[in-house]
Amino acid sequence: MPSQLTGTVALVTGASSGIGAATASRLAEQGASVALVARRKDRLEALAAEIEQAGGTALVVAADITDRLQAEDAVQRVIERYGRLDTLVNNAGLMLLGPVVGADVEQWDRMIAVNVQGLLYTTRAALPHLLKAAEQDPRQVADIVNIGSYAGRVASKGFGVYNVTKFGVHAFTESLRQEVTQRHVRVGVLEPGAVESELGTHNKPEVRGELIDPFFEGTEVLAAEDIADGVAYMVTRPRHASVGELWIMPTEQA
């Protein structure tokens, strides 16, 4: 019996680790051919080998999506290889925390570039192909899933600019949903709470000690696979059903 995504193609950004890698594997298990997009080519190649060994199909696309031309080229490489694009998962993200007073503005620029601009560039490049796929077999529907965050719902001290980016992802998702969902391109945001991943490791030790480590040490947090399951749920709904927002939290996170 064919899997639910057989005959479709998915592109996952930030696929070299964590939620992105788990999501790519999960969509491949569901039958999709998966394009793995991130900067770390060696990790993408290792993941592609795992997917193919399990019977799936994967394409490695090493790209920095904060560069508009690279984001556009990544989408074009998928189209050249597979001839279509049915699912886009905008997962690439960066979380650099700390006070606004005396902040390193370069960190702000990096977060905005990855979390907002990269998502916008990739989405813009993918939309014509998603709209086309939504008119075709096998499913006559296409999906965009943007990985937001609990920080896109609740602002916290020390999270200010990260909050800005994730609130923005939520707003953009809803606006785009209203624009294209009646053309059967479903657009939704998945907002995780705390997840065991590399996301917090890019912060300075003193920031981690104050804002990250104490919570993770005292809470049973989510695994990347929990979020991958959520993405798979969203994109495998029947054509007439659209999940605009999915919020997945650790049970112990208030």
Protein backbone atom coordinates (compact mmCIF):
# COMPACT_ATOMS: atom_id res chain seq x y z
CA MET A 1 0.00 0.00 0.00
CA PRO A 2 1.50 3.40 -0.97
CA SER A 3 2.53 5.73 1.85
CA GLN A 4 0.60 8.97 2.25
CA LEU A 5 3.24 11.15 0.56
CA THR A 6 4.25 8.77 -2.23
CA GLY A 7 4.84 10.68 -5.46
CA THR A 8 5.44 14.00 -3.71
CA VAL A 9 8.56 16.09 -3.06
CA ALA A 10 9.43 17.93 0.15
CA LEU A 11 12.10 20.56 0.84
CA VAL A 12 13.31 20.97 4.44
CA THR A 13 15.59 23.83 5.47
CA GLY A 14 17.93 23.49 8.41
CA ALA A 15 18.02 19.76 7.69
CA SER A 16 21.53 19.13 9.00
CA SER A 17 20.47 18.51 12.61
CA GLY A 18 17.67 18.47 15.16
CA ILE A 19 14.12 19.14 14.06
CA GLY A 20 15.09 19.52 10.40
CA ALA A 21 16.88 16.20 10.19
CA ALA A 22 14.13 14.37 12.08
CA THR A 23 11.45 15.95 9.88
CA ALA A 24 13.22 15.03 6.66
CA SER A 25 13.52 11.43 7.81
CA ARG A 26 9.87 11.33 8.85
CA LEU A 27 8.62 12.70 5.52
CA ALA A 28 10.83 10.22 3.66
CA GLU A 29 9.24 7.42 5.70
CA GLN A 30 5.88 8.69 4.48
CA GLY A 31 7.04 8.28 0.87
CA ALA A 32 8.17 11.79 -0.08
CA SER A 33 11.38 12.46 -1.97
CA VAL A 34 13.17 14.87 0.33
CA ALA A 35 15.51 17.77 -0.48
CA LEU A 36 17.86 18.45 2.43
CA VAL A 37 18.89 22.11 2.60
CA ALA A 38 21.47 23.54 5.01
CA ARG A 39 25.04 24.84 5.04
CA ARG A 40 26.78 21.76 6.50
CA LYS A 41 27.13 19.50 3.49
CA ASP A 42 28.83 16.66 5.35
CA ARG A 43 25.90 16.30 7.72
CA LEU A 44 23.42 16.45 4.87
CA GLU A 45 25.27 13.70 3.03
CA ALA A 46 25.23 11.50 6.14
CA LEU A 47 21.50 12.04 6.57
CA ALA A 48 20.84 11.37 2.88
CA ALA A 49 22.72 8.08 3.17
CA GLU A 50 20.56 7.07 6.15
CA ILE A 51 17.35 7.94 4.30
CA GLU A 52 18.40 6.05 1.18
CA GLN A 53 19.56 3.04 3.18
CA ALA A 54 16.06 2.92 4.66
CA GLY A 55 14.56 2.87 1.16
CA GLY A 56 13.88 6.60 0.75
CA THR A 57 15.07 9.21 -1.73
CA ALA A 58 17.05 12.32 -0.75
CA LEU A 59 18.77 15.22 -2.49
CA VAL A 60 21.58 17.14 -0.78
CA VAL A 61 21.49 20.90 -1.37
CA ALA A 62 24.22 22.80 0.48
CA ALA A 63 23.05 26.41 0.64
CA ASP A 64 22.89 29.47 2.87
CA ILE A 65 19.28 30.59 2.58
CA THR A 66 20.06 34.02 4.04
CA ASP A 67 21.47 34.71 0.57
CA ARG A 68 18.44 35.22 -1.68
CA LEU A 69 20.16 33.85 -4.77
CA GLN A 70 21.23 30.69 -2.92
CA ALA A 71 17.70 30.20 -1.59
CA GLU A 72 16.29 30.55 -5.10
CA ASP A 73 18.92 28.22 -6.52
CA ALA A 74 18.13 25.60 -3.84
CA VAL A 75 14.50 25.51 -4.92
CA GLN A 76 15.49 25.41 -8.58
CA ARG A 77 17.78 22.43 -7.99
CA VAL A 78 14.86 20.55 -6.47
CA ILE A 79 12.70 21.30 -9.51
CA GLU A 80 15.47 20.26 -11.89
CA ARG A 81 15.89 16.96 -10.05
CA TYR A 82 12.26 16.03 -9.35
CA GLY A 83 10.14 18.30 -11.54
CA ARG A 84 7.84 19.38 -8.73
CA LEU A 85 7.60 20.58 -5.13
CA ASP A 86 4.68 19.65 -2.86
CA THR A 87 5.86 20.46 0.66
CA LEU A 88 8.07 23.19 2.10
CA VAL A 89 9.20 23.02 5.73
CA ASN A 90 10.86 26.28 6.79
CA ASN A 91 12.79 24.99 9.77
CA ALA A 92 16.16 26.79 9.68
CA GLY A 93 16.50 28.90 12.80
CA LEU A 94 18.92 30.64 15.16
CA MET A 95 18.35 31.60 18.80
CA LEU A 96 20.82 34.08 20.30
CA LEU A 97 19.63 35.37 23.66
CA GLY A 98 20.59 38.15 26.04
CA PRO A 99 19.60 41.63 27.20
CA VAL A 100 18.77 44.41 24.77
CA VAL A 101 20.91 46.86 26.75
CA GLY A 102 24.44 46.58 25.35
CA ALA A 103 23.45 43.87 22.90
CA ASP A 104 25.64 42.69 20.04
CA VAL A 105 23.75 44.05 17.03
CA GLU A 106 25.49 41.57 14.72
CA GLN A 107 23.68 38.79 16.60
CA TRP A 108 20.38 40.53 15.89
CA ASP A 109 21.27 40.74 12.21
CA ARG A 110 22.16 37.04 12.08
CA MET A 111 18.88 36.00 13.71
CA ILE A 112 16.76 38.19 11.48
CA ALA A 113 18.62 36.92 8.42
CA VAL A 114 18.04 33.24 9.22
CA ASN A 115 14.69 33.28 10.99
CA VAL A 116 12.93 35.85 8.81
CA GLN A 117 14.73 36.66 5.58
CA GLY A 118 15.74 33.08 4.82
CA LEU A 119 12.18 31.92 5.38
CA LEU A 120 10.83 34.68 3.14
CA TYR A 121 13.33 34.03 0.34
CA THR A 122 12.71 30.29 0.31
CA THR A 123 8.94 30.66 0.48
CA ARG A 124 8.85 33.18 -2.37
CA ALA A 125 10.95 30.90 -4.58
CA ALA A 126 8.86 27.82 -3.73
CA LEU A 127 5.36 29.27 -4.05
CA PRO A 128 4.92 29.02 -7.85
CA HIS A 129 5.85 25.34 -7.72
CA LEU A 130 3.64 24.64 -4.71
CA LEU A 131 0.68 26.32 -6.42
CA LYS A 132 1.28 24.17 -9.48
CA ALA A 133 1.55 20.97 -7.43
CA ALA A 134 -1.74 21.80 -5.71
CA GLU A 135 -3.45 21.45 -9.09
CA GLN A 136 -1.89 18.06 -9.86
CA ASP A 137 -2.08 14.45 -8.81
CA PRO A 138 -1.38 12.55 -6.66
CA ARG A 139 -2.79 14.73 -3.86
CA GLN A 140 -4.01 18.01 -5.44
CA VAL A 141 -2.84 19.88 -2.35
CA ALA A 142 0.48 21.37 -1.24
CA ASP A 143 1.84 22.47 2.14
CA ILE A 144 4.03 25.06 3.80
CA VAL A 145 4.92 24.42 7.42
CA ASN A 146 6.83 27.18 9.19
CA ILE A 147 8.58 26.18 12.40
CA GLY A 148 7.81 28.93 14.87
CA SER A 149 8.24 28.75 18.62
CA TYR A 150 6.55 29.18 21.96
CA ALA A 151 8.61 32.40 21.86
CA GLY A 152 6.33 33.49 19.03
CA ARG A 153 3.41 33.44 21.48
CA VAL A 154 4.94 34.71 24.74
CA ALA A 155 7.68 37.34 25.13
CA SER A 156 10.31 36.82 27.84
CA LYS A 157 13.19 38.79 29.29
CA GLY A 158 16.36 38.05 27.38
CA PHE A 159 14.50 36.69 24.37
CA GLY A 160 13.56 40.07 22.85
CA VAL A 161 14.86 39.89 19.29
CA TYR A 162 14.28 36.14 19.06
CA ASN A 163 10.70 36.95 20.09
CA VAL A 164 10.56 39.52 17.27
CA THR A 165 11.55 36.95 14.68
CA LYS A 166 9.16 34.24 15.88
CA PHE A 167 6.19 36.57 16.34
CA GLY A 168 6.95 37.65 12.78
CA VAL A 169 6.93 34.06 11.51
CA HIS A 170 3.51 33.58 13.07
CA ALA A 171 2.14 36.77 11.49
CA PHE A 172 3.57 36.00 8.06
CA THR A 173 2.18 32.47 8.17
CA GLU A 174 -1.35 33.67 8.89
CA SER A 175 -1.20 36.34 6.20
CA LEU A 176 0.03 33.88 3.58
CA ARG A 177 -2.53 31.31 4.72
CA GLN A 178 -5.31 33.76 3.91
CA GLU A 179 -3.74 34.49 0.52
CA VAL A 180 -3.25 30.98 -0.87
CA THR A 181 -5.09 28.37 1.17
CA GLN A 182 -8.20 28.50 -1.03
CA ARG A 183 -5.90 27.50 -3.88
CA HIS A 184 -5.11 24.38 -1.84
CA VAL A 185 -1.67 25.46 -0.68
CA ARG A 186 -2.11 24.95 3.06
CA VAL A 187 0.04 27.19 5.26
CA GLY A 188 0.56 26.47 8.93
CA VAL A 189 2.89 27.28 11.80
CA LEU A 190 4.16 24.67 14.24
CA GLU A 191 5.21 26.21 17.56
CA PRO A 192 7.40 23.98 19.74
CA GLY A 193 8.18 24.54 23.35
CA ALA A 194 11.56 23.43 24.66
CA VAL A 195 13.24 20.84 22.43
CA GLU A 196 16.53 19.04 22.95
CA SER A 197 18.61 20.39 20.04
CA GLU A 198 21.62 22.50 19.08
CA LEU A 199 19.55 25.70 19.15
CA GLY A 200 20.81 26.95 22.50
CA THR A 201 24.43 25.93 22.04
CA HIS A 202 25.32 29.03 20.02
CA ASN A 203 24.92 31.25 23.09
CA LYS A 204 27.67 32.40 25.42
CA PRO A 205 28.16 30.24 28.55
CA GLU A 206 26.86 32.98 30.85
CA VAL A 207 23.69 33.34 28.78
CA ARG A 208 23.12 29.60 28.76
CA GLY A 209 23.69 29.48 32.51
CA GLU A 210 21.05 32.13 33.13
CA LEU A 211 18.40 31.59 30.46
CA ILE A 212 18.67 28.03 29.13
CA ASP A 213 20.45 25.42 31.24
CA PRO A 214 18.42 25.72 34.48
CA PHE A 215 15.16 25.03 32.64
CA PHE A 216 16.53 22.12 30.61
CA GLU A 217 18.11 20.55 33.69
CA GLY A 218 14.80 20.52 35.53
CA THR A 219 12.33 19.68 32.76
CA GLU A 220 11.62 16.66 30.58
CA VAL A 221 11.79 18.46 27.24
CA LEU A 222 10.67 17.41 23.77
CA ALA A 223 12.71 15.39 21.29
CA ALA A 224 13.17 16.49 17.68
CA GLU A 225 11.10 13.49 16.63
CA ASP A 226 8.11 14.89 18.53
CA ILE A 227 8.13 17.93 16.25
CA ALA A 228 8.73 15.81 13.16
CA ASP A 229 5.60 13.85 14.05
CA GLY A 230 3.70 17.13 14.24
CA VAL A 231 4.89 18.22 10.80
CA ALA A 232 3.94 14.85 9.34
CA TYR A 233 0.49 15.14 10.90
CA MET A 234 -0.05 18.58 9.35
CA VAL A 235 0.95 17.62 5.82
CA THR A 236 -0.89 14.30 5.71
CA ARG A 237 -4.36 15.65 6.47
CA PRO A 238 -7.04 15.06 3.83
CA ARG A 239 -7.19 17.69 1.10
CA HIS A 240 -10.21 19.38 2.68
CA ALA A 241 -8.55 19.80 6.12
CA SER A 242 -5.94 22.44 6.92
CA VAL A 243 -3.99 22.84 10.18
CA GLY A 244 -3.19 26.53 10.52
CA GLU A 245 -1.45 26.29 13.90
CA LEU A 246 -0.06 23.46 16.00
CA TRP A 247 1.41 24.09 19.44
CA ILE A 248 3.51 21.27 20.93
CA MET A 249 4.81 21.72 24.47
CA PRO A 250 6.63 19.60 27.03
CA THR A 251 4.04 18.47 29.55
CA GLU A 252 6.10 20.02 32.34
CA GLN A 253 6.56 23.41 30.65
CA ALA A 254 4.23 26.04 32.11
